[in-house]
Amino acid sequence: MLEIVIGDNCWLNNNCVIISEGSRIEIGTHCLFGTNVEIYDSDFHDLNPKKRLIGGGTVKIGPVRIGKNVFIGSNGRILKDVTIGDNSVIANSSVVVHDIPANVIAGGNPAQVLRSLLD
């Protein structure tokens, strides 16, 4: 299923790219994305060099779920098979390759939890 679902009252800034190639990308309500945010649910090509350009390989695909009231800073990248919990903040230029829990600030490449927002 190719599906992109964006909740109400979201702000997607300039050059936001959201591509679904076989899974679902779901963005909760009241999210804020900085400029140049990229969200992908697929690798798009087999990583094996012999299969990369000619096709026939296996492409890894996984759903992306972004909770409610999530703030993703400019140049953030969210890759396949990731869930970001409600209210979390993803720092500028971070690459999210693993799940991020709710109510935290995460950053880096790969993104890691930096601190709780509840402290």
C-alpha atoms as a PDB file:
ATOM      1  CA  MET A   1       0.000   0.000   0.000  1.00  0.00           C
ATOM      2  CA  LEU A   2       1.396   3.385  -0.988  1.00  0.00           C
ATOM      3  CA  GLU A   3      -0.033   5.840   1.476  1.00  0.00           C
ATOM      4  CA  ILE A   4       0.962   9.134   3.046  1.00  0.00           C
ATOM      5  CA  VAL A   5      -1.337  10.445   5.777  1.00  0.00           C
ATOM      6  CA  ILE A   6      -0.803  13.927   7.242  1.00  0.00           C
ATOM      7  CA  GLY A   7      -2.822  14.981  10.291  1.00  0.00           C
ATOM      8  CA  ASP A   8      -4.597  18.296  10.745  1.00  0.00           C
ATOM      9  CA  ASN A   9      -2.766  21.540  11.559  1.00  0.00           C
ATOM     10  CA  CYS A  10       0.694  20.454  10.406  1.00  0.00           C
ATOM     11  CA  TRP A  11       3.282  22.894   9.048  1.00  0.00           C
ATOM     12  CA  LEU A  12       5.597  21.505   6.383  1.00  0.00           C
ATOM     13  CA  ASN A  13       8.236  24.042   5.402  1.00  0.00           C
ATOM     14  CA  ASN A  14       9.943  24.559   2.026  1.00  0.00           C
ATOM     15  CA  ASN A  15      11.523  21.596   0.250  1.00  0.00           C
ATOM     16  CA  CYS A  16       9.860  18.960   2.423  1.00  0.00           C
ATOM     17  CA  VAL A  17      10.114  15.575   0.666  1.00  0.00           C
ATOM     18  CA  ILE A  18       7.883  12.644   1.683  1.00  0.00           C
ATOM     19  CA  ILE A  19       8.109   9.514  -0.478  1.00  0.00           C
ATOM     20  CA  SER A  20       6.297   6.225   0.125  1.00  0.00           C
ATOM     21  CA  GLU A  21       7.331   3.305  -2.043  1.00  0.00           C
ATOM     22  CA  GLY A  22       5.293   0.507  -0.588  1.00  0.00           C
ATOM     23  CA  SER A  23       4.543   1.118   3.021  1.00  0.00           C
ATOM     24  CA  ARG A  24       2.704   3.807   4.959  1.00  0.00           C
ATOM     25  CA  ILE A  25       3.968   7.147   6.183  1.00  0.00           C
ATOM     26  CA  GLU A  26       1.760   8.591   8.907  1.00  0.00           C
ATOM     27  CA  ILE A  27       2.217  12.050  10.418  1.00  0.00           C
ATOM     28  CA  GLY A  28       0.145  12.993  13.463  1.00  0.00           C
ATOM     29  CA  THR A  29      -1.664  16.255  14.094  1.00  0.00           C
ATOM     30  CA  HIS A  30       0.034  19.549  15.033  1.00  0.00           C
ATOM     31  CA  CYS A  31       3.488  18.636  13.685  1.00  0.00           C
ATOM     32  CA  LEU A  32       6.073  21.205  12.626  1.00  0.00           C
ATOM     33  CA  PHE A  33       8.779  20.433  10.049  1.00  0.00           C
ATOM     34  CA  GLY A  34      11.655  22.776   9.250  1.00  0.00           C
ATOM     35  CA  THR A  35      13.025  23.309   5.763  1.00  0.00           C
ATOM     36  CA  ASN A  36      14.464  20.408   3.756  1.00  0.00           C
ATOM     37  CA  VAL A  37      12.967  17.631   5.907  1.00  0.00           C
ATOM     38  CA  GLU A  38      13.045  14.251   4.135  1.00  0.00           C
ATOM     39  CA  ILE A  39      10.933  11.206   5.027  1.00  0.00           C
ATOM     40  CA  TYR A  40      11.314   7.865   3.221  1.00  0.00           C
ATOM     41  CA  ASP A  41       9.808   4.424   3.839  1.00  0.00           C
ATOM     42  CA  SER A  42      12.217   2.567   1.529  1.00  0.00           C
ATOM     43  CA  ASP A  43      15.845   2.132   0.477  1.00  0.00           C
ATOM     44  CA  PHE A  44      14.536   2.499  -3.144  1.00  0.00           C
ATOM     45  CA  HIS A  45      17.304   0.282  -4.574  1.00  0.00           C
ATOM     46  CA  ASP A  46      18.883  -3.009  -3.634  1.00  0.00           C
ATOM     47  CA  LEU A  47      22.188  -2.276  -1.916  1.00  0.00           C
ATOM     48  CA  ASN A  48      23.941  -5.155  -3.704  1.00  0.00           C
ATOM     49  CA  PRO A  49      26.075  -3.490  -6.427  1.00  0.00           C
ATOM     50  CA  LYS A  50      25.156  -6.158  -9.018  1.00  0.00           C
ATOM     51  CA  LYS A  51      21.423  -5.585  -8.507  1.00  0.00           C
ATOM     52  CA  ARG A  52      21.325  -1.874  -7.752  1.00  0.00           C
ATOM     53  CA  LEU A  53      20.800  -0.527 -11.264  1.00  0.00           C
ATOM     54  CA  ILE A  54      19.367  -3.511 -13.126  1.00  0.00           C
ATOM     55  CA  GLY A  55      16.545  -4.242 -10.696  1.00  0.00           C
ATOM     56  CA  GLY A  56      15.470  -7.638  -9.474  1.00  0.00           C
ATOM     57  CA  GLY A  57      16.910  -7.180  -6.019  1.00  0.00           C
ATOM     58  CA  THR A  58      15.157  -6.892  -2.696  1.00  0.00           C
ATOM     59  CA  VAL A  59      14.310  -3.401  -1.510  1.00  0.00           C
ATOM     60  CA  LYS A  60      13.879  -2.911   2.220  1.00  0.00           C
ATOM     61  CA  ILE A  61      10.632  -1.136   3.098  1.00  0.00           C
ATOM     62  CA  GLY A  62       9.103  -0.217   6.464  1.00  0.00           C
ATOM     63  CA  PRO A  63       6.400   2.130   7.739  1.00  0.00           C
ATOM     64  CA  VAL A  64       7.153   5.522   9.225  1.00  0.00           C
ATOM     65  CA  ARG A  65       4.987   6.780  12.088  1.00  0.00           C
ATOM     66  CA  ILE A  66       5.411  10.288  13.432  1.00  0.00           C
ATOM     67  CA  GLY A  67       3.313  11.038  16.508  1.00  0.00           C
ATOM     68  CA  LYS A  68       1.316  14.122  17.418  1.00  0.00           C
ATOM     69  CA  ASN A  69       2.952  17.495  18.085  1.00  0.00           C
ATOM     70  CA  VAL A  70       6.385  16.420  16.810  1.00  0.00           C
ATOM     71  CA  PHE A  71       8.911  19.090  15.786  1.00  0.00           C
ATOM     72  CA  ILE A  72      11.519  18.057  13.201  1.00  0.00           C
ATOM     73  CA  GLY A  73      14.256  20.630  12.677  1.00  0.00           C
ATOM     74  CA  SER A  74      15.550  21.726   9.284  1.00  0.00           C
ATOM     75  CA  ASN A  75      17.469  19.152   7.244  1.00  0.00           C
ATOM     76  CA  GLY A  76      16.135  16.272   9.352  1.00  0.00           C
ATOM     77  CA  ARG A  77      15.901  12.859   7.692  1.00  0.00           C
ATOM     78  CA  ILE A  78      13.516  10.169   8.825  1.00  0.00           C
ATOM     79  CA  LEU A  79      14.239   6.761   7.306  1.00  0.00           C
ATOM     80  CA  LYS A  80      12.227   3.569   6.917  1.00  0.00           C
ATOM     81  CA  ASP A  81      10.716   1.513   9.733  1.00  0.00           C
ATOM     82  CA  VAL A  82      10.850   4.288  12.344  1.00  0.00           C
ATOM     83  CA  THR A  83       8.369   5.557  14.931  1.00  0.00           C
ATOM     84  CA  ILE A  84       8.760   8.952  16.599  1.00  0.00           C
ATOM     85  CA  GLY A  85       6.671   9.356  19.761  1.00  0.00           C
ATOM     86  CA  ASP A  86       4.280  12.202  20.546  1.00  0.00           C
ATOM     87  CA  ASN A  87       5.707  15.617  21.485  1.00  0.00           C
ATOM     88  CA  SER A  88       9.307  14.754  20.621  1.00  0.00           C
ATOM     89  CA  VAL A  89      11.801  17.120  18.997  1.00  0.00           C
ATOM     90  CA  ILE A  90      14.280  15.987  16.360  1.00  0.00           C
ATOM     91  CA  ALA A  91      17.273  18.346  16.234  1.00  0.00           C
ATOM     92  CA  ASN A  92      18.438  20.129  13.104  1.00  0.00           C
ATOM     93  CA  SER A  93      20.279  17.892  10.578  1.00  0.00           C
ATOM     94  CA  SER A  94      19.547  14.664  12.466  1.00  0.00           C
ATOM     95  CA  VAL A  95      19.134  11.295  10.751  1.00  0.00           C
ATOM     96  CA  VAL A  96      16.552   9.073  12.438  1.00  0.00           C
ATOM     97  CA  VAL A  97      17.148   5.350  11.797  1.00  0.00           C
ATOM     98  CA  HIS A  98      15.727   3.913  15.046  1.00  0.00           C
ATOM     99  CA  ASP A  99      12.562   4.538  17.048  1.00  0.00           C
ATOM    100  CA  ILE A 100      12.486   7.668  19.199  1.00  0.00           C
ATOM    101  CA  PRO A 101      10.213   7.605  22.291  1.00  0.00           C
ATOM    102  CA  ALA A 102       7.648  10.251  23.194  1.00  0.00           C
ATOM    103  CA  ASN A 103       8.555  13.471  25.019  1.00  0.00           C
ATOM    104  CA  VAL A 104      12.284  13.626  24.255  1.00  0.00           C
ATOM    105  CA  ILE A 105      14.803  15.660  22.300  1.00  0.00           C
ATOM    106  CA  ALA A 106      16.851  13.510  19.927  1.00  0.00           C
ATOM    107  CA  GLY A 107      19.700  14.521  17.677  1.00  0.00           C
ATOM    108  CA  GLY A 108      22.745  13.411  15.740  1.00  0.00           C
ATOM    109  CA  ASN A 109      23.609  10.918  13.031  1.00  0.00           C
ATOM    110  CA  PRO A 110      22.245   8.471  13.888  1.00  0.00           C
ATOM    111  CA  ALA A 111      19.799  10.321  16.123  1.00  0.00           C
ATOM    112  CA  GLN A 112      19.947   9.446  19.808  1.00  0.00           C
ATOM    113  CA  VAL A 113      17.905  10.634  22.755  1.00  0.00           C
ATOM    114  CA  LEU A 114      19.628  13.673  24.266  1.00  0.00           C
ATOM    115  CA  ARG A 115      17.221  14.408  27.102  1.00  0.00           C
ATOM    116  CA  SER A 116      13.650  14.185  28.281  1.00  0.00           C
ATOM    117  CA  LEU A 117      11.248  17.057  27.722  1.00  0.00           C
ATOM    118  CA  LEU A 118       9.543  16.232  31.017  1.00  0.00           C
ATOM    119  CA  ASP A 119      12.469  17.234  33.281  1.00  0.00           C
END
